[in-house]
């Protein structure tokens, strides 16, 4: 995998806390950023795929062949 360098401008306290967190988890700030970006992009991709599946289902129409206008109220509610 080809890698490229990138520069971020972040608040000093965020960088300090990220370094402390990374050291406590035996990793680097670079690895943390890579992991967070990968997770965010993967989650967005899964959400987009789920939305597309939902729209495809909606476009196929109702799963019932019953015409809603043919249903009588009396058929829906049992009278005692």
PDB file of N, CA and C in Angstrom:
ATOM      1  N   UNK A   1       0.852  -1.176   0.000  1.00  0.00           N
ATOM      2  CA  UNK A   1       0.000   0.000   0.000  1.00  0.00           C
ATOM      3  C   UNK A   1       0.897   1.238   0.000  1.00  0.00           C
ATOM      4  N   UNK A   2       0.633   2.112  -0.928  1.00  0.00           N
ATOM      5  CA  UNK A   2       1.382   3.360  -0.996  1.00  0.00           C
ATOM      6  C   UNK A   2       0.882   4.289   0.107  1.00  0.00           C
ATOM      7  N   UNK A   3       1.796   4.952   0.764  1.00  0.00           N
ATOM      8  CA  UNK A   3       1.414   5.912   1.801  1.00  0.00           C
ATOM      9  C   UNK A   3       1.915   7.293   1.417  1.00  0.00           C
ATOM     10  N   UNK A   4       1.215   8.297   1.944  1.00  0.00           N
ATOM     11  CA  UNK A   4       1.599   9.687   1.716  1.00  0.00           C
ATOM     12  C   UNK A   4       1.533  10.416   3.040  1.00  0.00           C
ATOM     13  N   UNK A   5       2.340  11.419   3.180  1.00  0.00           N
ATOM     14  CA  UNK A   5       2.326  12.227   4.395  1.00  0.00           C
ATOM     15  C   UNK A   5       1.276  13.315   4.275  1.00  0.00           C
ATOM     16  N   UNK A   6       0.701  13.671   5.410  1.00  0.00           N
ATOM     17  CA  UNK A   6      -0.300  14.727   5.471  1.00  0.00           C
ATOM     18  C   UNK A   6      -0.071  15.496   6.772  1.00  0.00           C
ATOM     19  N   UNK A   7      -0.374  16.769   6.756  1.00  0.00           N
ATOM     20  CA  UNK A   7      -0.173  17.601   7.941  1.00  0.00           C
ATOM     21  C   UNK A   7      -1.523  18.060   8.453  1.00  0.00           C
ATOM     22  N   UNK A   8      -1.729  17.929   9.753  1.00  0.00           N
ATOM     23  CA  UNK A   8      -2.949  18.398  10.402  1.00  0.00           C
ATOM     24  C   UNK A   8      -2.605  19.554  11.319  1.00  0.00           C
ATOM     25  N   UNK A   9      -3.520  20.477  11.444  1.00  0.00           N
ATOM     26  CA  UNK A   9      -3.406  21.534  12.443  1.00  0.00           C
ATOM     27  C   UNK A   9      -4.474  21.257  13.485  1.00  0.00           C
ATOM     28  N   UNK A  10      -4.028  20.829  14.655  1.00  0.00           N
ATOM     29  CA  UNK A  10      -4.943  20.461  15.729  1.00  0.00           C
ATOM     30  C   UNK A  10      -4.566  21.202  16.996  1.00  0.00           C
ATOM     31  N   UNK A  11      -5.528  21.396  17.892  1.00  0.00           N
ATOM     32  CA  UNK A  11      -5.221  22.048  19.169  1.00  0.00           C
ATOM     33  C   UNK A  11      -4.154  21.259  19.934  1.00  0.00           C
ATOM     34  N   UNK A  12      -3.261  21.996  20.588  1.00  0.00           N
ATOM     35  CA  UNK A  12      -2.137  21.386  21.308  1.00  0.00           C
ATOM     36  C   UNK A  12      -2.619  20.389  22.364  1.00  0.00           C
ATOM     37  N   UNK A  13      -3.687  20.711  23.070  1.00  0.00           N
ATOM     38  CA  UNK A  13      -4.164  19.792  24.110  1.00  0.00           C
ATOM     39  C   UNK A  13      -4.714  18.501  23.503  1.00  0.00           C
ATOM     40  N   UNK A  14      -5.307  18.577  22.318  1.00  0.00           N
ATOM     41  CA  UNK A  14      -5.795  17.371  21.647  1.00  0.00           C
ATOM     42  C   UNK A  14      -4.618  16.488  21.236  1.00  0.00           C
ATOM     43  N   UNK A  15      -3.584  17.083  20.710  1.00  0.00           N
ATOM     44  CA  UNK A  15      -2.396  16.316  20.328  1.00  0.00           C
ATOM     45  C   UNK A  15      -1.760  15.670  21.551  1.00  0.00           C
ATOM     46  N   UNK A  16      -1.640  16.436  22.620  1.00  0.00           N
ATOM     47  CA  UNK A  16      -1.054  15.907  23.861  1.00  0.00           C
ATOM     48  C   UNK A  16      -1.873  14.728  24.377  1.00  0.00           C
ATOM     49  N   UNK A  17      -3.187  14.888  24.417  1.00  0.00           N
ATOM     50  CA  UNK A  17      -4.047  13.797  24.893  1.00  0.00           C
ATOM     51  C   UNK A  17      -3.987  12.589  23.961  1.00  0.00           C
ATOM     52  N   UNK A  18      -3.892  12.824  22.664  1.00  0.00           N
ATOM     53  CA  UNK A  18      -3.790  11.721  21.706  1.00  0.00           C
ATOM     54  C   UNK A  18      -2.488  10.957  21.910  1.00  0.00           C
ATOM     55  N   UNK A  19      -1.398  11.673  22.162  1.00  0.00           N
ATOM     56  CA  UNK A  19      -0.109  11.010  22.412  1.00  0.00           C
ATOM     57  C   UNK A  19      -0.155  10.179  23.687  1.00  0.00           C
ATOM     58  N   UNK A  20      -0.776  10.720  24.709  1.00  0.00           N
ATOM     59  CA  UNK A  20      -0.901   9.988  25.972  1.00  0.00           C
ATOM     60  C   UNK A  20      -1.760   8.742  25.771  1.00  0.00           C
ATOM     61  N   UNK A  21      -2.869   8.900  25.075  1.00  0.00           N
ATOM     62  CA  UNK A  21      -3.757   7.769  24.803  1.00  0.00           C
ATOM     63  C   UNK A  21      -3.020   6.711  23.992  1.00  0.00           C
ATOM     64  N   UNK A  22      -2.346   7.136  22.935  1.00  0.00           N
ATOM     65  CA  UNK A  22      -1.624   6.198  22.076  1.00  0.00           C
ATOM     66  C   UNK A  22      -0.565   5.443  22.868  1.00  0.00           C
ATOM     67  N   UNK A  23       0.197   6.140  23.694  1.00  0.00           N
ATOM     68  CA  UNK A  23       1.235   5.488  24.489  1.00  0.00           C
ATOM     69  C   UNK A  23       0.618   4.468  25.444  1.00  0.00           C
ATOM     70  N   UNK A  24      -0.519   4.812  26.004  1.00  0.00           N
ATOM     71  CA  UNK A  24      -1.201   3.903  26.928  1.00  0.00           C
ATOM     72  C   UNK A  24      -1.768   2.678  26.242  1.00  0.00           C
ATOM     73  N   UNK A  25      -1.936   2.748  24.928  1.00  0.00           N
ATOM     74  CA  UNK A  25      -2.486   1.628  24.164  1.00  0.00           C
ATOM     75  C   UNK A  25      -1.445   1.021  23.228  1.00  0.00           C
ATOM     76  N   UNK A  26      -0.193   1.320  23.500  1.00  0.00           N
ATOM     77  CA  UNK A  26       0.932   0.751  22.749  1.00  0.00           C
ATOM     78  C   UNK A  26       0.772   0.923  21.233  1.00  0.00           C
ATOM     79  N   UNK A  27       0.445   2.161  20.825  1.00  0.00           N
ATOM     80  CA  UNK A  27       0.293   2.468  19.409  1.00  0.00           C
ATOM     81  C   UNK A  27       0.793   3.883  19.154  1.00  0.00           C
ATOM     82  N   UNK A  28       0.534   4.408  17.989  1.00  0.00           N
ATOM     83  CA  UNK A  28       0.963   5.765  17.641  1.00  0.00           C
ATOM     84  C   UNK A  28      -0.255   6.616  17.295  1.00  0.00           C
ATOM     85  N   UNK A  29      -0.057   7.919  17.321  1.00  0.00           N
ATOM     86  CA  UNK A  29      -1.128   8.823  16.920  1.00  0.00           C
ATOM     87  C   UNK A  29      -1.462   8.569  15.450  1.00  0.00           C
ATOM     88  N   UNK A  30      -0.453   8.330  14.633  1.00  0.00           N
ATOM     89  CA  UNK A  30      -0.659   8.031  13.227  1.00  0.00           C
ATOM     90  C   UNK A  30      -1.577   6.808  13.062  1.00  0.00           C
ATOM     91  N   UNK A  31      -1.299   5.754  13.807  1.00  0.00           N
ATOM     92  CA  UNK A  31      -2.115   4.539  13.727  1.00  0.00           C
ATOM     93  C   UNK A  31      -3.539   4.808  14.212  1.00  0.00           C
ATOM     94  N   UNK A  32      -3.689   5.625  15.242  1.00  0.00           N
ATOM     95  CA  UNK A  32      -5.022   5.975  15.736  1.00  0.00           C
ATOM     96  C   UNK A  32      -5.826   6.705  14.668  1.00  0.00           C
ATOM     97  N   UNK A  33      -5.205   7.684  14.024  1.00  0.00           N
ATOM     98  CA  UNK A  33      -5.887   8.453  12.985  1.00  0.00           C
ATOM     99  C   UNK A  33      -6.265   7.532  11.829  1.00  0.00           C
ATOM    100  N   UNK A  34      -5.347   6.666  11.420  1.00  0.00           N
ATOM    101  CA  UNK A  34      -5.614   5.721  10.335  1.00  0.00           C
ATOM    102  C   UNK A  34      -6.810   4.833  10.682  1.00  0.00           C
ATOM    103  N   UNK A  35      -6.823   4.309  11.903  1.00  0.00           N
ATOM    104  CA  UNK A  35      -7.907   3.426  12.336  1.00  0.00           C
ATOM    105  C   UNK A  35      -9.243   4.163  12.394  1.00  0.00           C
ATOM    106  N   UNK A  36      -9.241   5.368  12.945  1.00  0.00           N
ATOM    107  CA  UNK A  36     -10.480   6.141  13.043  1.00  0.00           C
ATOM    108  C   UNK A  36     -11.030   6.504  11.668  1.00  0.00           C
ATOM    109  N   UNK A  37     -10.162   6.896  10.751  1.00  0.00           N
ATOM    110  CA  UNK A  37     -10.611   7.225   9.397  1.00  0.00           C
ATOM    111  C   UNK A  37     -11.151   5.988   8.686  1.00  0.00           C
ATOM    112  N   UNK A  38     -10.464   4.879   8.843  1.00  0.00           N
ATOM    113  CA  UNK A  38     -10.913   3.633   8.215  1.00  0.00           C
ATOM    114  C   UNK A  38     -12.276   3.231   8.748  1.00  0.00           C
ATOM    115  N   UNK A  39     -12.478   3.304  10.062  1.00  0.00           N
ATOM    116  CA  UNK A  39     -13.767   2.952  10.668  1.00  0.00           C
ATOM    117  C   UNK A  39     -14.877   3.876  10.198  1.00  0.00           C
ATOM    118  N   UNK A  40     -14.590   5.193  10.161  1.00  0.00           N
ATOM    119  CA  UNK A  40     -15.614   6.166   9.758  1.00  0.00           C
ATOM    120  C   UNK A  40     -16.023   5.946   8.313  1.00  0.00           C
ATOM    121  N   UNK A  41     -15.065   5.726   7.438  1.00  0.00           N
ATOM    122  CA  UNK A  41     -15.381   5.529   6.026  1.00  0.00           C
ATOM    123  C   UNK A  41     -16.091   4.204   5.794  1.00  0.00           C
ATOM    124  N   UNK A  42     -15.715   3.176   6.536  1.00  0.00           N
ATOM    125  CA  UNK A  42     -16.359   1.873   6.421  1.00  0.00           C
ATOM    126  C   UNK A  42     -17.804   1.958   6.897  1.00  0.00           C
ATOM    127  N   UNK A  43     -18.027   2.642   8.012  1.00  0.00           N
ATOM    128  CA  UNK A  43     -19.375   2.791   8.561  1.00  0.00           C
ATOM    129  C   UNK A  43     -20.253   3.554   7.573  1.00  0.00           C
ATOM    130  N   UNK A  44     -19.707   4.625   6.993  1.00  0.00           N
ATOM    131  CA  UNK A  44     -20.478   5.408   6.024  1.00  0.00           C
ATOM    132  C   UNK A  44     -20.829   4.560   4.806  1.00  0.00           C
ATOM    133  N   UNK A  45     -19.895   3.746   4.375  1.00  0.00           N
ATOM    134  CA  UNK A  45     -20.131   2.871   3.229  1.00  0.00           C
ATOM    135  C   UNK A  45     -21.229   1.857   3.546  1.00  0.00           C
ATOM    136  N   UNK A  46     -21.203   1.285   4.743  1.00  0.00           N
ATOM    137  CA  UNK A  46     -22.238   0.319   5.139  1.00  0.00           C
ATOM    138  C   UNK A  46     -23.604   0.994   5.247  1.00  0.00           C
ATOM    139  N   UNK A  47     -23.620   2.228   5.777  1.00  0.00           N
ATOM    140  CA  UNK A  47     -24.884   2.952   5.901  1.00  0.00           C
ATOM    141  C   UNK A  47     -25.452   3.268   4.520  1.00  0.00           C
ATOM    142  N   UNK A  48     -24.586   3.673   3.600  1.00  0.00           N
ATOM    143  CA  UNK A  48     -25.034   3.976   2.245  1.00  0.00           C
ATOM    144  C   UNK A  48     -25.598   2.723   1.575  1.00  0.00           C
ATOM    145  N   UNK A  49     -24.925   1.592   1.754  1.00  0.00           N
ATOM    146  CA  UNK A  49     -25.394   0.329   1.167  1.00  0.00           C
ATOM    147  C   UNK A  49     -26.745  -0.068   1.753  1.00  0.00           C
ATOM    148  N   UNK A  50     -26.916   0.111   3.056  1.00  0.00           N
ATOM    149  CA  UNK A  50     -28.189  -0.227   3.703  1.00  0.00           C
ATOM    150  C   UNK A  50     -29.303   0.678   3.181  1.00  0.00           C
ATOM    151  N   UNK A  51     -29.017   1.951   3.011  1.00  0.00           N
ATOM    152  CA  UNK A  51     -30.020   2.877   2.486  1.00  0.00           C
ATOM    153  C   UNK A  51     -30.406   2.499   1.063  1.00  0.00           C
ATOM    154  N   UNK A  52     -29.429   2.104   0.261  1.00  0.00           N
ATOM    155  CA  UNK A  52     -29.719   1.692  -1.107  1.00  0.00           C
ATOM    156  C   UNK A  52     -30.582   0.428  -1.133  1.00  0.00           C
ATOM    157  N   UNK A  53     -30.312  -0.517  -0.227  1.00  0.00           N
ATOM    158  CA  UNK A  53     -31.134  -1.724  -0.151  1.00  0.00           C
ATOM    159  C   UNK A  53     -32.570  -1.380   0.258  1.00  0.00           C
ATOM    160  N   UNK A  54     -32.709  -0.459   1.214  1.00  0.00           N
ATOM    161  CA  UNK A  54     -34.030  -0.039   1.670  1.00  0.00           C
ATOM    162  C   UNK A  54     -34.804   0.634   0.537  1.00  0.00           C
ATOM    163  N   UNK A  55     -34.135   1.503  -0.218  1.00  0.00           N
ATOM    164  CA  UNK A  55     -34.795   2.160  -1.353  1.00  0.00           C
ATOM    165  C   UNK A  55     -35.188   1.150  -2.426  1.00  0.00           C
ATOM    166  N   UNK A  56     -34.348   0.159  -2.651  1.00  0.00           N
ATOM    167  CA  UNK A  56     -34.669  -0.876  -3.634  1.00  0.00           C
ATOM    168  C   UNK A  56     -35.914  -1.648  -3.203  1.00  0.00           C
ATOM    169  N   UNK A  57     -36.006  -1.950  -1.907  1.00  0.00           N
ATOM    170  CA  UNK A  57     -37.209  -2.630  -1.401  1.00  0.00           C
ATOM    171  C   UNK A  57     -38.450  -1.753  -1.579  1.00  0.00           C
ATOM    172  N   UNK A  58     -38.298  -0.477  -1.274  1.00  0.00           N
ATOM    173  CA  UNK A  58     -39.431   0.446  -1.397  1.00  0.00           C
ATOM    174  C   UNK A  58     -39.858   0.581  -2.856  1.00  0.00           C
ATOM    175  N   UNK A  59     -38.910   0.573  -3.764  1.00  0.00           N
ATOM    176  CA  UNK A  59     -39.240   0.707  -5.186  1.00  0.00           C
ATOM    177  C   UNK A  59     -39.947  -0.519  -5.738  1.00  0.00           C
ATOM    178  N   UNK A  60     -39.758  -1.674  -5.107  1.00  0.00           N
ATOM    179  CA  UNK A  60     -40.433  -2.893  -5.552  1.00  0.00           C
ATOM    180  C   UNK A  60     -41.908  -2.887  -5.191  1.00  0.00           C
ATOM    181  N   UNK A  61     -42.296  -2.009  -4.296  1.00  0.00           N
ATOM    182  CA  UNK A  61     -43.699  -1.884  -3.945  1.00  0.00           C
ATOM    183  C   UNK A  61     -44.092  -2.738  -2.768  1.00  0.00           C
ATOM    184  N   UNK A  62     -45.380  -2.698  -2.450  1.00  0.00           N
ATOM    185  CA  UNK A  62     -45.860  -3.451  -1.280  1.00  0.00           C
ATOM    186  C   UNK A  62     -45.748  -4.950  -1.512  1.00  0.00           C
ATOM    187  N   UNK A  63     -45.635  -5.653  -0.432  1.00  0.00           N
ATOM    188  CA  UNK A  63     -45.505  -7.108  -0.500  1.00  0.00           C
ATOM    189  C   UNK A  63     -46.857  -7.800  -0.442  1.00  0.00           C
ATOM    190  N   UNK A  64     -47.893  -7.017  -0.314  1.00  0.00           N
ATOM    191  CA  UNK A  64     -49.227  -7.585  -0.231  1.00  0.00           C
ATOM    192  C   UNK A  64     -49.991  -7.268  -1.514  1.00  0.00           C
ATOM    193  N   UNK A  65     -50.736  -8.231  -1.989  1.00  0.00           N
ATOM    194  CA  UNK A  65     -51.541  -8.028  -3.196  1.00  0.00           C
ATOM    195  C   UNK A  65     -52.926  -7.511  -2.857  1.00  0.00           C
ATOM    196  N   UNK A  66     -53.189  -7.273  -1.575  1.00  0.00           N
ATOM    197  CA  UNK A  66     -54.513  -6.821  -1.148  1.00  0.00           C
ATOM    198  C   UNK A  66     -54.634  -5.322  -1.399  1.00  0.00           C
ATOM    199  N   UNK A  67     -55.720  -4.938  -2.006  1.00  0.00           N
ATOM    200  CA  UNK A  67     -56.000  -3.527  -2.222  1.00  0.00           C
ATOM    201  C   UNK A  67     -56.484  -2.945  -0.897  1.00  0.00           C
ATOM    202  N   UNK A  68     -55.802  -1.946  -0.343  1.00  0.00           N
ATOM    203  CA  UNK A  68     -56.201  -1.397   0.960  1.00  0.00           C
ATOM    204  C   UNK A  68     -57.640  -0.874   0.962  1.00  0.00           C
ATOM    205  N   UNK A  69     -58.130  -0.417  -0.179  1.00  0.00           N
ATOM    206  CA  UNK A  69     -59.490   0.103  -0.246  1.00  0.00           C
ATOM    207  C   UNK A  69     -60.524  -1.003  -0.073  1.00  0.00           C
ATOM    208  N   UNK A  70     -60.120  -2.238  -0.284  1.00  0.00           N
ATOM    209  CA  UNK A  70     -61.070  -3.349  -0.160  1.00  0.00           C
ATOM    210  C   UNK A  70     -61.236  -3.824   1.282  1.00  0.00           C
ATOM    211  N   UNK A  71     -60.452  -3.304   2.196  1.00  0.00           N
ATOM    212  CA  UNK A  71     -60.527  -3.729   3.596  1.00  0.00           C
ATOM    213  C   UNK A  71     -61.591  -2.899   4.313  1.00  0.00           C
ATOM    214  N   UNK A  72     -62.516  -3.578   4.944  1.00  0.00           N
ATOM    215  CA  UNK A  72     -63.563  -2.886   5.686  1.00  0.00           C
ATOM    216  C   UNK A  72     -63.127  -2.706   7.135  1.00  0.00           C
ATOM    217  N   UNK A  73     -63.595  -1.645   7.724  1.00  0.00           N
ATOM    218  CA  UNK A  73     -63.259  -1.355   9.117  1.00  0.00           C
ATOM    219  C   UNK A  73     -63.695  -2.500  10.029  1.00  0.00           C
ATOM    220  N   UNK A  74     -64.827  -3.061   9.745  1.00  0.00           N
ATOM    221  CA  UNK A  74     -65.358  -4.148  10.556  1.00  0.00           C
ATOM    222  C   UNK A  74     -64.427  -5.365  10.513  1.00  0.00           C
ATOM    223  N   UNK A  75     -63.743  -5.522   9.400  1.00  0.00           N
ATOM    224  CA  UNK A  75     -62.809  -6.641   9.273  1.00  0.00           C
ATOM    225  C   UNK A  75     -61.545  -6.418  10.113  1.00  0.00           C
ATOM    226  N   UNK A  76     -61.221  -5.164  10.354  1.00  0.00           N
ATOM    227  CA  UNK A  76     -60.002  -4.846  11.104  1.00  0.00           C
ATOM    228  C   UNK A  76     -60.215  -4.929  12.611  1.00  0.00           C
ATOM    229  N   UNK A  77     -61.388  -4.509  13.057  1.00  0.00           N
ATOM    230  CA  UNK A  77     -61.657  -4.444  14.480  1.00  0.00           C
ATOM    231  C   UNK A  77     -62.757  -5.418  14.852  1.00  0.00           C
ATOM    232  N   UNK A  78     -62.447  -6.280  15.762  1.00  0.00           N
ATOM    233  CA  UNK A  78     -63.438  -7.242  16.208  1.00  0.00           C
ATOM    234  C   UNK A  78     -64.405  -6.559  17.156  1.00  0.00           C
ATOM    235  N   UNK A  79     -65.692  -6.679  16.863  1.00  0.00           N
ATOM    236  CA  UNK A  79     -66.725  -6.076  17.718  1.00  0.00           C
ATOM    237  C   UNK A  79     -67.213  -7.103  18.717  1.00  0.00           C
ATOM    238  N   UNK A  80     -67.475  -6.685  19.946  1.00  0.00           N
ATOM    239  CA  UNK A  80     -67.991  -7.590  20.970  1.00  0.00           C
ATOM    240  C   UNK A  80     -69.372  -7.204  21.376  1.00  0.00           C
TER     241      UNK A  80
END
